Amino acid sequence: MVSCRGFNREDKETTMELMKGDKIEVFRRSKDEAWEPYMDDFIGLHGFVTDPDTVINDPDALIEVSLQGRGTHRLPQDCLKVLV
């Protein structure tokens, strides 16, 4: 389990726990320096967490996700939100 910053309905920053298998959406461009221009194409895509990097347990760590039709990528956590 990895802590991840996200936003609630009032657009206030919250913390969420990402676990392997969680369904996610890339909902915005990341502010992280690891964000690359090609990743803009991922915004709006859904997928699931494949490796939350539980050993690191760092909210700034990249999370490995599998995106529908786009393969597996390591993305910054501030661009992800968990789908319920």
C-alpha atoms as a PDB file:
ATOM      1  CA  MET A   1       0.000   0.000   0.000  1.00  0.00           C
ATOM      2  CA  VAL A   2       1.303   3.456  -0.931  1.00  0.00           C
ATOM      3  CA  SER A   3      -0.036   6.837   0.131  1.00  0.00           C
ATOM      4  CA  CYS A   4      -1.114   8.962  -2.789  1.00  0.00           C
ATOM      5  CA  ARG A   5      -2.233  12.544  -2.908  1.00  0.00           C
ATOM      6  CA  GLY A   6      -5.558  13.119  -4.618  1.00  0.00           C
ATOM      7  CA  PHE A   7      -8.448  15.524  -4.594  1.00  0.00           C
ATOM      8  CA  ASN A   8     -11.916  15.234  -3.136  1.00  0.00           C
ATOM      9  CA  ARG A   9     -15.105  16.671  -4.624  1.00  0.00           C
ATOM     10  CA  GLU A  10     -14.290  20.135  -3.283  1.00  0.00           C
ATOM     11  CA  ASP A  11     -10.872  20.035  -5.044  1.00  0.00           C
ATOM     12  CA  LYS A  12      -9.095  19.880  -1.693  1.00  0.00           C
ATOM     13  CA  GLU A  13      -5.976  17.748  -1.580  1.00  0.00           C
ATOM     14  CA  THR A  14      -6.414  14.455   0.269  1.00  0.00           C
ATOM     15  CA  THR A  15      -4.325  11.332   0.753  1.00  0.00           C
ATOM     16  CA  MET A  16      -5.370   7.957  -0.607  1.00  0.00           C
ATOM     17  CA  GLU A  17      -3.818   4.534  -0.401  1.00  0.00           C
ATOM     18  CA  LEU A  18      -2.970   2.864  -3.717  1.00  0.00           C
ATOM     19  CA  MET A  19      -2.953  -0.920  -3.729  1.00  0.00           C
ATOM     20  CA  LYS A  20      -2.216  -3.446  -6.435  1.00  0.00           C
ATOM     21  CA  GLY A  21      -5.315  -3.935  -8.588  1.00  0.00           C
ATOM     22  CA  ASP A  22      -6.923  -0.556  -7.773  1.00  0.00           C
ATOM     23  CA  LYS A  23      -8.760   0.889 -10.759  1.00  0.00           C
ATOM     24  CA  ILE A  24      -7.423   4.346 -11.570  1.00  0.00           C
ATOM     25  CA  GLU A  25      -7.880   7.253 -13.954  1.00  0.00           C
ATOM     26  CA  VAL A  26      -5.179   9.627 -15.146  1.00  0.00           C
ATOM     27  CA  PHE A  27      -7.240  12.736 -14.462  1.00  0.00           C
ATOM     28  CA  ARG A  28      -4.783  15.588 -14.986  1.00  0.00           C
ATOM     29  CA  ARG A  29      -1.267  16.572 -15.980  1.00  0.00           C
ATOM     30  CA  SER A  30       1.243  15.963 -13.201  1.00  0.00           C
ATOM     31  CA  LYS A  31       3.317  18.725 -11.651  1.00  0.00           C
ATOM     32  CA  ASP A  32       6.100  16.193 -11.039  1.00  0.00           C
ATOM     33  CA  GLU A  33       9.378  16.624 -12.940  1.00  0.00           C
ATOM     34  CA  ALA A  34       9.055  13.013 -14.129  1.00  0.00           C
ATOM     35  CA  TRP A  35       6.048  13.991 -16.310  1.00  0.00           C
ATOM     36  CA  GLU A  36       6.934  13.833 -19.997  1.00  0.00           C
ATOM     37  CA  PRO A  37       5.027  15.578 -22.841  1.00  0.00           C
ATOM     38  CA  TYR A  38       3.925  12.233 -24.360  1.00  0.00           C
ATOM     39  CA  MET A  39       2.093  11.496 -21.095  1.00  0.00           C
ATOM     40  CA  ASP A  40      -0.448  14.219 -21.926  1.00  0.00           C
ATOM     41  CA  ASP A  41      -2.068  11.598 -24.178  1.00  0.00           C
ATOM     42  CA  PHE A  42      -2.792   9.495 -21.065  1.00  0.00           C
ATOM     43  CA  ILE A  43      -5.118  12.078 -19.487  1.00  0.00           C
ATOM     44  CA  GLY A  44      -8.615  10.621 -19.249  1.00  0.00           C
ATOM     45  CA  LEU A  45      -7.458   7.010 -19.630  1.00  0.00           C
ATOM     46  CA  HIS A  46      -8.400   4.290 -17.154  1.00  0.00           C
ATOM     47  CA  GLY A  47      -6.303   1.407 -15.936  1.00  0.00           C
ATOM     48  CA  PHE A  48      -5.173  -0.328 -12.777  1.00  0.00           C
ATOM     49  CA  VAL A  49      -2.222  -0.313 -10.388  1.00  0.00           C
ATOM     50  CA  THR A  50       0.254  -3.111 -11.139  1.00  0.00           C
ATOM     51  CA  ASP A  51       3.027  -2.151  -8.703  1.00  0.00           C
ATOM     52  CA  PRO A  52       2.398   0.379  -5.938  1.00  0.00           C
ATOM     53  CA  ASP A  53       6.049   0.147  -4.777  1.00  0.00           C
ATOM     54  CA  THR A  54       5.133  -0.849  -1.238  1.00  0.00           C
ATOM     55  CA  VAL A  55       8.792  -1.120  -0.267  1.00  0.00           C
ATOM     56  CA  ILE A  56       9.342   2.594  -0.826  1.00  0.00           C
ATOM     57  CA  ASN A  57       5.979   3.771   0.622  1.00  0.00           C
ATOM     58  CA  ASP A  58       6.792   7.287  -0.579  1.00  0.00           C
ATOM     59  CA  PRO A  59       3.984   9.572  -1.769  1.00  0.00           C
ATOM     60  CA  ASP A  60       6.397  11.103  -4.292  1.00  0.00           C
ATOM     61  CA  ALA A  61       7.350   7.730  -5.814  1.00  0.00           C
ATOM     62  CA  LEU A  62       6.206   6.778  -9.299  1.00  0.00           C
ATOM     63  CA  ILE A  63       3.450   4.174  -9.472  1.00  0.00           C
ATOM     64  CA  GLU A  64       3.393   1.437 -12.114  1.00  0.00           C
ATOM     65  CA  VAL A  65       0.002   1.322 -13.824  1.00  0.00           C
ATOM     66  CA  SER A  66      -1.393  -0.556 -16.791  1.00  0.00           C
ATOM     67  CA  LEU A  67      -3.475   1.757 -18.997  1.00  0.00           C
ATOM     68  CA  GLN A  68      -6.157   0.468 -21.369  1.00  0.00           C
ATOM     69  CA  GLY A  69      -4.687   0.230 -24.842  1.00  0.00           C
ATOM     70  CA  ARG A  70      -1.424   1.950 -23.833  1.00  0.00           C
ATOM     71  CA  GLY A  71       0.560  -0.663 -21.898  1.00  0.00           C
ATOM     72  CA  THR A  72       2.304  -0.345 -18.559  1.00  0.00           C
ATOM     73  CA  HIS A  73       3.917   2.910 -17.402  1.00  0.00           C
ATOM     74  CA  ARG A  74       5.352   4.449 -14.236  1.00  0.00           C
ATOM     75  CA  LEU A  75       3.458   7.646 -13.484  1.00  0.00           C
ATOM     76  CA  PRO A  76       3.582  10.297 -10.758  1.00  0.00           C
ATOM     77  CA  GLN A  77       0.869   9.845  -8.151  1.00  0.00           C
ATOM     78  CA  ASP A  78      -0.537  13.382  -8.310  1.00  0.00           C
ATOM     79  CA  CYS A  79      -2.118  12.681 -11.715  1.00  0.00           C
ATOM     80  CA  LEU A  80      -3.970   9.539 -10.563  1.00  0.00           C
ATOM     81  CA  LYS A  81      -7.286   9.086  -8.854  1.00  0.00           C
ATOM     82  CA  VAL A  82      -8.838   5.848  -7.643  1.00  0.00           C
ATOM     83  CA  LEU A  83     -12.125   4.874  -9.267  1.00  0.00           C
ATOM     84  CA  VAL A  84     -14.804   3.353  -7.064  1.00  0.00           C
END
